[in-house]
Amino acid sequence: MQQRTRPGGRSAPSRGSAPRGQRSGGGRAPARPTVARRAVSAGGTALRTRAPQPRRFTSRAIVLSLVLLVLLLAYAYPVRVYLAQQAEIAALEQSQERQAVKIAEMATRAAKWDDDEYVISQARQRLHMVLPGEKSYVVVDPGRATKTDPADLPGAEKAPRPWYGKLWSSVEAADKQ
């Protein structure tokens, strides 16, 4: 098909030949967007092109993962503090229960001292007291009786020994080990 020429030898522009932003005239947009043409080989047949592979991570997915990461980091410390406080509360409640048991036990022991018979029995056991008119006996086990030297008691002062006696006792002690 021949193109029309204007007077002066210039060709008239066709409707679709001007670039999109430089059109003159009615300003109507094309009915469908322009698509890139397929490459043609030297033999005139169309070359096969690969379909575009979808990207693994889109920008939306990356932004979403970053927001989730920031939220995770923002909530990590308060959750840790919360869990530590819950553990502390549980420990304090257990301590409070132990104290309540101990208080109840001490209250029952204190209530025993209101009984006169209990007071008398404790005075006999602990203080070796007797009622008027009774005789007190203390049994001494002769097998447990040992002679004790007052100098052997801890904290008692020992007689000073001469220096050669101390030296000889250290030699004997070294010989035993």
N, C-alpha and C. Protein backbone atom coordinates (compact mmCIF):
# COMPACT_ATOMS: atom_id res chain seq x y z
N MET A 1 0.83 -1.16 0.00
CA MET A 1 0.00 0.00 0.00
C MET A 1 0.88 1.22 0.00
N GLN A 2 0.51 2.16 -0.77
CA GLN A 2 1.28 3.39 -0.88
C GLN A 2 0.83 4.38 0.16
N GLN A 3 1.80 5.17 0.62
CA GLN A 3 1.44 6.21 1.57
C GLN A 3 1.12 7.48 0.81
N ARG A 4 0.22 8.22 1.34
CA ARG A 4 -0.12 9.49 0.72
C ARG A 4 0.96 10.49 1.01
N THR A 5 1.16 11.35 0.06
CA THR A 5 2.14 12.42 0.27
C THR A 5 1.44 13.75 0.21
N ARG A 6 1.94 14.67 0.94
CA ARG A 6 1.41 16.02 0.96
C ARG A 6 2.10 16.82 -0.14
N PRO A 7 1.52 17.92 -0.38
CA PRO A 7 2.24 18.80 -1.31
C PRO A 7 3.56 19.17 -0.72
N GLY A 8 4.58 19.15 -1.44
CA GLY A 8 5.93 19.46 -0.96
C GLY A 8 6.72 18.20 -0.73
N GLY A 9 6.10 17.03 -0.96
CA GLY A 9 6.83 15.77 -0.88
C GLY A 9 6.84 15.12 0.49
N ARG A 10 6.22 15.75 1.46
CA ARG A 10 6.22 15.13 2.81
C ARG A 10 5.07 14.16 2.94
N SER A 11 5.30 13.10 3.66
CA SER A 11 4.24 12.11 3.82
C SER A 11 3.35 12.49 4.99
N ALA A 12 2.09 12.15 4.88
CA ALA A 12 1.14 12.47 5.95
C ALA A 12 1.28 11.42 7.05
N PRO A 13 1.24 11.84 8.26
CA PRO A 13 1.38 10.87 9.36
C PRO A 13 0.15 9.99 9.44
N SER A 14 0.40 8.71 9.68
CA SER A 14 -0.73 7.80 9.84
C SER A 14 -1.18 7.83 11.29
N ARG A 15 -2.31 7.22 11.57
CA ARG A 15 -2.89 7.30 12.91
C ARG A 15 -1.99 6.66 13.97
N GLY A 16 -1.47 5.50 13.76
CA GLY A 16 -0.73 4.80 14.81
C GLY A 16 0.75 4.96 14.71
N SER A 17 1.26 5.83 13.85
CA SER A 17 2.70 5.89 13.67
C SER A 17 3.39 6.79 14.68
N ALA A 18 2.72 7.80 15.23
CA ALA A 18 3.36 8.72 16.17
C ALA A 18 3.48 8.04 17.54
N PRO A 19 4.55 8.36 18.27
CA PRO A 19 4.67 7.81 19.61
C PRO A 19 3.50 8.26 20.47
N ARG A 20 3.25 7.52 21.51
CA ARG A 20 2.05 7.69 22.32
C ARG A 20 1.93 9.09 22.91
N GLY A 21 2.96 9.67 23.46
CA GLY A 21 2.88 10.97 24.11
C GLY A 21 2.89 12.12 23.13
N GLN A 22 3.21 11.87 21.86
CA GLN A 22 3.36 12.97 20.91
C GLN A 22 2.22 13.01 19.90
N ARG A 23 1.13 12.37 20.17
CA ARG A 23 0.03 12.38 19.21
C ARG A 23 -0.60 13.74 19.13
N SER A 24 -1.00 14.04 17.97
CA SER A 24 -1.75 15.27 17.79
C SER A 24 -3.14 14.87 17.40
N GLY A 25 -4.06 15.61 17.79
CA GLY A 25 -5.40 15.31 17.35
C GLY A 25 -6.30 15.02 18.52
N GLY A 26 -7.26 14.13 18.30
CA GLY A 26 -8.36 13.89 19.21
C GLY A 26 -7.96 13.44 20.60
N GLY A 27 -6.82 12.86 20.78
CA GLY A 27 -6.37 12.45 22.10
C GLY A 27 -7.01 11.16 22.58
N ARG A 28 -7.57 10.43 21.68
CA ARG A 28 -8.16 9.15 22.09
C ARG A 28 -7.07 8.12 22.36
N ALA A 29 -7.24 7.38 23.42
CA ALA A 29 -6.28 6.32 23.74
C ALA A 29 -6.59 5.11 22.90
N PRO A 30 -5.60 4.31 22.57
CA PRO A 30 -5.88 3.12 21.78
C PRO A 30 -6.78 2.17 22.56
N ALA A 31 -7.50 1.32 21.86
CA ALA A 31 -8.45 0.41 22.47
C ALA A 31 -7.75 -0.61 23.36
N ARG A 32 -6.55 -1.01 23.03
CA ARG A 32 -5.82 -1.95 23.86
C ARG A 32 -4.36 -1.54 23.91
N PRO A 33 -3.69 -1.88 24.97
CA PRO A 33 -2.28 -1.46 25.08
C PRO A 33 -1.44 -2.16 24.03
N THR A 34 -0.36 -1.49 23.70
CA THR A 34 0.54 -2.06 22.70
C THR A 34 1.36 -3.16 23.33
N VAL A 35 1.59 -4.23 22.60
CA VAL A 35 2.33 -5.39 23.09
C VAL A 35 3.61 -5.49 22.29
N ALA A 36 4.67 -5.85 22.94
CA ALA A 36 5.93 -6.00 22.22
C ALA A 36 5.80 -7.15 21.24
N ARG A 37 6.36 -6.94 20.07
CA ARG A 37 6.27 -7.96 19.03
C ARG A 37 7.29 -9.06 19.27
N ARG A 38 6.97 -10.21 18.77
CA ARG A 38 7.89 -11.33 18.90
C ARG A 38 9.06 -11.15 17.95
N ALA A 39 10.17 -11.66 18.41
CA ALA A 39 11.35 -11.59 17.55
C ALA A 39 11.19 -12.57 16.39
N VAL A 40 11.63 -12.17 15.26
CA VAL A 40 11.50 -13.00 14.06
C VAL A 40 12.89 -13.45 13.64
N SER A 41 13.01 -14.72 13.34
CA SER A 41 14.31 -15.22 12.93
C SER A 41 14.54 -14.88 11.46
N ALA A 42 15.74 -15.17 10.99
CA ALA A 42 16.09 -14.84 9.61
C ALA A 42 15.25 -15.64 8.62
N GLY A 43 14.78 -16.81 8.99
CA GLY A 43 13.98 -17.63 8.10
C GLY A 43 12.54 -17.15 8.02
N GLY A 44 12.12 -16.21 8.85
CA GLY A 44 10.78 -15.69 8.80
C GLY A 44 9.84 -16.35 9.80
N THR A 45 10.31 -17.35 10.55
CA THR A 45 9.44 -17.99 11.54
C THR A 45 9.64 -17.31 12.89
N ALA A 46 8.66 -17.39 13.72
CA ALA A 46 8.73 -16.75 15.04
C ALA A 46 9.62 -17.56 15.98
N LEU A 47 10.46 -16.86 16.75
CA LEU A 47 11.31 -17.52 17.76
C LEU A 47 10.50 -17.81 19.01
N ARG A 48 10.84 -18.91 19.64
CA ARG A 48 10.17 -19.21 20.90
C ARG A 48 10.77 -18.36 22.01
N THR A 49 9.91 -17.77 22.77
CA THR A 49 10.38 -17.02 23.95
C THR A 49 9.83 -17.69 25.19
N ARG A 50 10.55 -17.59 26.26
CA ARG A 50 10.11 -18.19 27.52
C ARG A 50 9.12 -17.28 28.20
N ALA A 51 8.19 -17.89 28.89
CA ALA A 51 7.22 -17.12 29.67
C ALA A 51 7.95 -16.52 30.86
N PRO A 52 7.59 -15.32 31.25
CA PRO A 52 8.28 -14.73 32.40
C PRO A 52 8.01 -15.54 33.66
N GLN A 53 9.08 -15.85 34.39
CA GLN A 53 8.96 -16.62 35.62
C GLN A 53 8.51 -15.69 36.75
N PRO A 54 7.55 -16.13 37.54
CA PRO A 54 7.13 -15.27 38.66
C PRO A 54 8.26 -15.19 39.68
N ARG A 55 8.42 -14.02 40.26
CA ARG A 55 9.47 -13.84 41.27
C ARG A 55 9.05 -14.56 42.54
N ARG A 56 10.04 -15.04 43.26
CA ARG A 56 9.73 -15.77 44.49
C ARG A 56 9.11 -14.86 45.53
N PHE A 57 9.70 -13.74 45.75
CA PHE A 57 9.21 -12.81 46.76
C PHE A 57 8.88 -11.50 46.08
N THR A 58 7.64 -11.13 46.19
CA THR A 58 7.25 -9.84 45.63
C THR A 58 7.57 -8.77 46.65
N SER A 59 7.51 -7.54 46.21
CA SER A 59 7.81 -6.44 47.14
C SER A 59 6.79 -6.40 48.26
N ARG A 60 5.55 -6.77 47.98
CA ARG A 60 4.52 -6.79 49.03
C ARG A 60 4.85 -7.84 50.08
N ALA A 61 5.31 -8.99 49.63
CA ALA A 61 5.66 -10.06 50.58
C ALA A 61 6.84 -9.66 51.44
N ILE A 62 7.80 -8.98 50.85
CA ILE A 62 8.97 -8.53 51.62
C ILE A 62 8.56 -7.49 52.65
N VAL A 63 7.72 -6.54 52.27
CA VAL A 63 7.27 -5.51 53.20
C VAL A 63 6.45 -6.14 54.31
N LEU A 64 5.58 -7.09 53.96
CA LEU A 64 4.77 -7.77 54.97
C LEU A 64 5.66 -8.53 55.95
N SER A 65 6.67 -9.22 55.45
CA SER A 65 7.56 -9.96 56.34
C SER A 65 8.36 -9.02 57.23
N LEU A 66 8.77 -7.88 56.70
CA LEU A 66 9.48 -6.90 57.54
C LEU A 66 8.57 -6.35 58.63
N VAL A 67 7.32 -6.08 58.31
CA VAL A 67 6.38 -5.57 59.31
C VAL A 67 6.16 -6.63 60.39
N LEU A 68 6.00 -7.89 59.98
CA LEU A 68 5.83 -8.95 60.97
C LEU A 68 7.06 -9.13 61.84
N LEU A 69 8.24 -8.99 61.25
CA LEU A 69 9.47 -9.09 62.02
C LEU A 69 9.57 -7.97 63.05
N VAL A 70 9.23 -6.76 62.64
CA VAL A 70 9.27 -5.62 63.57
C VAL A 70 8.26 -5.83 64.69
N LEU A 71 7.07 -6.32 64.36
CA LEU A 71 6.07 -6.59 65.40
C LEU A 71 6.55 -7.68 66.36
N LEU A 72 7.18 -8.70 65.81
CA LEU A 72 7.71 -9.77 66.65
C LEU A 72 8.77 -9.22 67.62
N LEU A 73 9.67 -8.41 67.10
CA LEU A 73 10.70 -7.83 67.96
C LEU A 73 10.11 -6.86 68.97
N ALA A 74 9.08 -6.15 68.58
CA ALA A 74 8.46 -5.18 69.49
C ALA A 74 7.74 -5.89 70.64
N TYR A 75 7.16 -7.06 70.36
CA TYR A 75 6.43 -7.77 71.40
C TYR A 75 7.28 -8.75 72.18
N ALA A 76 8.48 -9.03 71.78
CA ALA A 76 9.31 -10.04 72.44
C ALA A 76 9.65 -9.63 73.87
N TYR A 77 10.11 -8.43 74.08
CA TYR A 77 10.52 -7.99 75.43
C TYR A 77 9.32 -7.92 76.38
N PRO A 78 8.20 -7.30 76.00
CA PRO A 78 7.06 -7.28 76.93
C PRO A 78 6.54 -8.68 77.27
N VAL A 79 6.57 -9.59 76.33
CA VAL A 79 6.12 -10.95 76.61
C VAL A 79 7.08 -11.63 77.58
N ARG A 80 8.38 -11.38 77.40
CA ARG A 80 9.36 -11.96 78.32
C ARG A 80 9.16 -11.42 79.74
N VAL A 81 8.92 -10.12 79.85
CA VAL A 81 8.68 -9.51 81.16
C VAL A 81 7.41 -10.09 81.77
N TYR A 82 6.37 -10.24 80.95
CA TYR A 82 5.11 -10.79 81.44
C TYR A 82 5.30 -12.21 81.98
N LEU A 83 6.04 -13.04 81.25
CA LEU A 83 6.28 -14.41 81.70
C LEU A 83 7.11 -14.45 82.98
N ALA A 84 8.08 -13.55 83.08
CA ALA A 84 8.89 -13.49 84.30
C ALA A 84 8.03 -13.07 85.50
N GLN A 85 7.12 -12.13 85.28
CA GLN A 85 6.24 -11.70 86.36
C GLN A 85 5.29 -12.82 86.77
N GLN A 86 4.80 -13.59 85.80
CA GLN A 86 3.91 -14.70 86.12
C GLN A 86 4.66 -15.75 86.95
N ALA A 87 5.90 -16.01 86.61
CA ALA A 87 6.70 -16.97 87.38
C ALA A 87 6.95 -16.46 88.79
N GLU A 88 7.21 -15.16 88.91
CA GLU A 88 7.43 -14.57 90.24
C GLU A 88 6.16 -14.63 91.07
N ILE A 89 5.02 -14.38 90.46
CA ILE A 89 3.74 -14.44 91.18
C ILE A 89 3.50 -15.87 91.67
N ALA A 90 3.77 -16.85 90.83
CA ALA A 90 3.58 -18.25 91.23
C ALA A 90 4.49 -18.61 92.40
N ALA A 91 5.75 -18.14 92.35
CA ALA A 91 6.69 -18.43 93.44
C ALA A 91 6.23 -17.77 94.74
N LEU A 92 5.73 -16.55 94.64
CA LEU A 92 5.25 -15.86 95.84
C LEU A 92 4.01 -16.53 96.42
N GLU A 93 3.13 -17.04 95.56
CA GLU A 93 1.95 -17.74 96.05
C GLU A 93 2.34 -19.03 96.77
N GLN A 94 3.33 -19.75 96.24
CA GLN A 94 3.80 -20.95 96.92
C GLN A 94 4.42 -20.61 98.27
N SER A 95 5.19 -19.54 98.31
CA SER A 95 5.80 -19.11 99.57
C SER A 95 4.71 -18.73 100.57
N GLN A 96 3.68 -18.08 100.10
CA GLN A 96 2.59 -17.67 100.97
C GLN A 96 1.86 -18.91 101.53
N GLU A 97 1.68 -19.94 100.72
CA GLU A 97 1.06 -21.17 101.19
C GLU A 97 1.92 -21.84 102.25
N ARG A 98 3.25 -21.87 102.03
CA ARG A 98 4.15 -22.47 103.04
C ARG A 98 4.08 -21.68 104.34
N GLN A 99 4.03 -20.36 104.25
CA GLN A 99 3.94 -19.55 105.46
C GLN A 99 2.62 -19.79 106.19
N ALA A 100 1.54 -19.97 105.44
CA ALA A 100 0.24 -20.23 106.08
C ALA A 100 0.27 -21.55 106.83
N VAL A 101 0.91 -22.59 106.24
CA VAL A 101 1.03 -23.88 106.91
C VAL A 101 1.88 -23.73 108.17
N LYS A 102 2.96 -22.99 108.06
CA LYS A 102 3.84 -22.79 109.22
C LYS A 102 3.12 -22.02 110.33
N ILE A 103 2.33 -21.04 109.98
CA ILE A 103 1.58 -20.27 110.98
C ILE A 103 0.55 -21.15 111.67
N ALA A 104 -0.13 -22.01 110.89
CA ALA A 104 -1.11 -22.91 111.50
C ALA A 104 -0.42 -23.89 112.46
N GLU A 105 0.75 -24.39 112.08
CA GLU A 105 1.50 -25.31 112.95
C GLU A 105 1.92 -24.61 114.23
N MET A 106 2.39 -23.40 114.12
CA MET A 106 2.82 -22.65 115.32
C MET A 106 1.62 -22.28 116.19
N ALA A 107 0.49 -22.05 115.59
CA ALA A 107 -0.72 -21.74 116.37
C ALA A 107 -1.14 -22.97 117.18
N THR A 108 -1.03 -24.17 116.60
CA THR A 108 -1.39 -25.37 117.36
C THR A 108 -0.38 -25.62 118.48
N ARG A 109 0.90 -25.35 118.22
CA ARG A 109 1.89 -25.49 119.29
C ARG A 109 1.66 -24.48 120.41
N ALA A 110 1.27 -23.28 120.05
CA ALA A 110 0.99 -22.27 121.07
C ALA A 110 -0.27 -22.61 121.86
N ALA A 111 -1.23 -23.22 121.19
CA ALA A 111 -2.47 -23.59 121.89
C ALA A 111 -2.20 -24.68 122.93
N LYS A 112 -1.18 -25.54 122.70
CA LYS A 112 -0.84 -26.59 123.66
C LYS A 112 -0.39 -25.99 124.99
N TRP A 113 0.23 -24.84 124.96
CA TRP A 113 0.76 -24.24 126.18
C TRP A 113 -0.36 -23.69 127.07
N ASP A 114 -1.59 -23.64 126.57
CA ASP A 114 -2.71 -23.21 127.41
C ASP A 114 -3.17 -24.34 128.34
N ASP A 115 -2.77 -25.57 128.06
CA ASP A 115 -3.14 -26.73 128.87
C ASP A 115 -2.13 -26.87 130.01
N ASP A 116 -2.64 -26.97 131.25
CA ASP A 116 -1.74 -27.06 132.43
C ASP A 116 -0.96 -28.38 132.43
N GLU A 117 -1.56 -29.47 132.01
CA GLU A 117 -0.87 -30.76 132.00
C GLU A 117 0.33 -30.73 131.03
N TYR A 118 0.16 -30.06 129.90
CA TYR A 118 1.27 -29.96 128.92
C TYR A 118 2.43 -29.16 129.52
N VAL A 119 2.10 -28.08 130.23
CA VAL A 119 3.14 -27.25 130.85
C VAL A 119 3.90 -28.06 131.90
N ILE A 120 3.17 -28.84 132.71
CA ILE A 120 3.82 -29.65 133.74
C ILE A 120 4.72 -30.70 133.09
N SER A 121 4.25 -31.37 132.04
CA SER A 121 5.07 -32.39 131.40
C SER A 121 6.32 -31.80 130.77
N GLN A 122 6.22 -30.61 130.17
CA GLN A 122 7.39 -29.97 129.58
C GLN A 122 8.38 -29.54 130.66
N ALA A 123 7.89 -29.09 131.81
CA ALA A 123 8.78 -28.71 132.91
C ALA A 123 9.53 -29.92 133.44
N ARG A 124 8.88 -31.08 133.50
CA ARG A 124 9.55 -32.30 133.96
C ARG A 124 10.61 -32.73 132.94
N GLN A 125 10.28 -32.70 131.66
CA GLN A 125 11.22 -33.18 130.64
C GLN A 125 12.40 -32.24 130.45
N ARG A 126 12.11 -30.98 130.28
CA ARG A 126 13.17 -30.03 129.90
C ARG A 126 13.96 -29.51 131.09
N LEU A 127 13.28 -29.22 132.19
CA LEU A 127 13.95 -28.57 133.32
C LEU A 127 14.19 -29.50 134.50
N HIS A 128 13.76 -30.76 134.38
CA HIS A 128 13.92 -31.76 135.45
C HIS A 128 13.30 -31.26 136.76
N MET A 129 12.15 -30.64 136.65
CA MET A 129 11.44 -30.16 137.84
C MET A 129 10.50 -31.26 138.34
N VAL A 130 10.24 -31.21 139.64
CA VAL A 130 9.33 -32.18 140.25
C VAL A 130 8.33 -31.41 141.10
N LEU A 131 7.19 -32.04 141.34
CA LEU A 131 6.18 -31.43 142.21
C LEU A 131 6.62 -31.59 143.66
N PRO A 132 6.10 -30.77 144.52
CA PRO A 132 6.48 -30.92 145.94
C PRO A 132 6.11 -32.32 146.46
N GLY A 133 7.03 -32.92 147.18
CA GLY A 133 6.83 -34.24 147.75
C GLY A 133 7.38 -35.35 146.87
N GLU A 134 7.77 -35.09 145.66
CA GLU A 134 8.33 -36.12 144.79
C GLU A 134 9.84 -36.09 144.88
N LYS A 135 10.46 -37.24 144.57
CA LYS A 135 11.91 -37.31 144.58
C LYS A 135 12.38 -37.43 143.14
N SER A 136 13.47 -36.76 142.84
CA SER A 136 14.00 -36.76 141.48
C SER A 136 15.20 -37.69 141.40
N TYR A 137 15.21 -38.53 140.38
CA TYR A 137 16.32 -39.43 140.15
C TYR A 137 16.91 -39.13 138.77
N VAL A 138 18.26 -39.13 138.72
CA VAL A 138 18.95 -38.95 137.44
C VAL A 138 19.84 -40.18 137.27
N VAL A 139 19.62 -40.92 136.19
CA VAL A 139 20.39 -42.13 135.93
C VAL A 139 21.59 -41.74 135.07
N VAL A 140 22.76 -42.15 135.54
CA VAL A 140 23.98 -41.86 134.82
C VAL A 140 24.51 -43.17 134.27
N ASP A 141 24.80 -43.20 133.00
CA ASP A 141 25.33 -44.39 132.34
C ASP A 141 26.84 -44.43 132.57
N PRO A 142 27.31 -45.45 133.28
CA PRO A 142 28.75 -45.49 133.55
C PRO A 142 29.57 -45.72 132.29
N GLY A 143 29.00 -46.32 131.27
CA GLY A 143 29.74 -46.54 130.02
C GLY A 143 30.00 -45.23 129.28
N ARG A 144 29.19 -44.26 129.49
CA ARG A 144 29.37 -42.98 128.80
C ARG A 144 30.23 -42.02 129.60
N ALA A 145 30.46 -42.33 130.84
CA ALA A 145 31.24 -41.44 131.68
C ALA A 145 32.71 -41.53 131.28
N THR A 146 33.30 -40.43 130.95
CA THR A 146 34.72 -40.40 130.59
C THR A 146 35.39 -39.35 131.44
N LYS A 147 36.62 -39.63 131.70
CA LYS A 147 37.38 -38.64 132.47
C LYS A 147 37.87 -37.58 131.51
N THR A 148 37.59 -36.39 131.84
CA THR A 148 38.02 -35.29 130.98
C THR A 148 39.01 -34.44 131.73
N ASP A 149 40.05 -34.10 131.04
CA ASP A 149 41.05 -33.20 131.59
C ASP A 149 40.61 -31.78 131.25
N PRO A 150 40.54 -30.88 132.21
CA PRO A 150 40.11 -29.52 131.90
C PRO A 150 41.00 -28.82 130.87
N ALA A 151 42.23 -29.28 130.75
CA ALA A 151 43.13 -28.67 129.77
C ALA A 151 42.78 -29.12 128.35
N ASP A 152 42.07 -30.25 128.21
CA ASP A 152 41.72 -30.77 126.89
C ASP A 152 40.46 -30.12 126.32
N LEU A 153 39.73 -29.42 127.14
CA LEU A 153 38.51 -28.79 126.66
C LEU A 153 38.87 -27.68 125.65
N PRO A 154 38.05 -27.53 124.64
CA PRO A 154 38.35 -26.46 123.67
C PRO A 154 38.21 -25.09 124.32
N GLY A 155 39.12 -24.26 124.02
CA GLY A 155 39.11 -22.89 124.56
C GLY A 155 39.87 -22.76 125.86
N ALA A 156 40.27 -23.88 126.47
CA ALA A 156 41.02 -23.82 127.71
C ALA A 156 42.47 -23.48 127.40
N GLU A 157 43.09 -22.75 128.32
CA GLU A 157 44.48 -22.35 128.10
C GLU A 157 45.40 -23.54 128.38
N LYS A 158 46.38 -23.73 127.54
CA LYS A 158 47.34 -24.81 127.71
C LYS A 158 48.62 -24.24 128.29
N ALA A 159 49.29 -25.11 129.02
CA ALA A 159 50.55 -24.68 129.64
C ALA A 159 51.58 -24.45 128.54
N PRO A 160 52.34 -23.39 128.63
CA PRO A 160 53.33 -23.12 127.59
C PRO A 160 54.42 -24.20 127.61
N ARG A 161 54.84 -24.61 126.42
CA ARG A 161 55.88 -25.62 126.29
C ARG A 161 57.14 -24.93 125.77
N PRO A 162 58.28 -25.52 126.07
CA PRO A 162 59.51 -24.94 125.54
C PRO A 162 59.60 -25.18 124.02
N TRP A 163 60.44 -24.46 123.38
CA TRP A 163 60.51 -24.48 121.92
C TRP A 163 60.93 -25.84 121.38
N TYR A 164 61.83 -26.51 122.10
CA TYR A 164 62.29 -27.81 121.61
C TYR A 164 61.17 -28.86 121.72
N GLY A 165 60.27 -28.68 122.67
CA GLY A 165 59.12 -29.60 122.79
C GLY A 165 58.17 -29.42 121.59
N LYS A 166 57.98 -28.17 121.18
CA LYS A 166 57.13 -27.90 120.02
C LYS A 166 57.77 -28.47 118.75
N LEU A 167 59.10 -28.32 118.65
CA LEU A 167 59.81 -28.83 117.49
C LEU A 167 59.72 -30.35 117.42
N TRP A 168 59.91 -31.02 118.57
CA TRP A 168 59.86 -32.47 118.59
C TRP A 168 58.44 -32.99 118.27
N SER A 169 57.41 -32.29 118.75
CA SER A 169 56.03 -32.73 118.46
C SER A 169 55.70 -32.55 116.97
N SER A 170 56.27 -31.53 116.33
CA SER A 170 56.04 -31.37 114.89
C SER A 170 56.75 -32.47 114.10
N VAL A 171 57.92 -32.91 114.58
CA VAL A 171 58.62 -34.01 113.91
C VAL A 171 57.82 -35.30 114.06
N GLU A 172 57.26 -35.53 115.25
CA GLU A 172 56.44 -36.73 115.45
C GLU A 172 55.18 -36.68 114.60
N ALA A 173 54.58 -35.52 114.47
CA ALA A 173 53.36 -35.39 113.68
C ALA A 173 53.67 -35.63 112.19
N ALA A 174 54.82 -35.17 111.73
CA ALA A 174 55.21 -35.39 110.33
C ALA A 174 55.52 -36.86 110.09
N ASP A 175 56.01 -37.56 111.11
CA ASP A 175 56.33 -38.96 110.95
C ASP A 175 55.07 -39.82 110.86
N LYS A 176 53.99 -39.40 111.51
CA LYS A 176 52.73 -40.16 111.49
C LYS A 176 52.05 -40.07 110.11
N GLN A 177 52.16 -38.99 109.45
CA GLN A 177 51.48 -38.83 108.16
C GLN A 177 52.32 -39.45 107.11
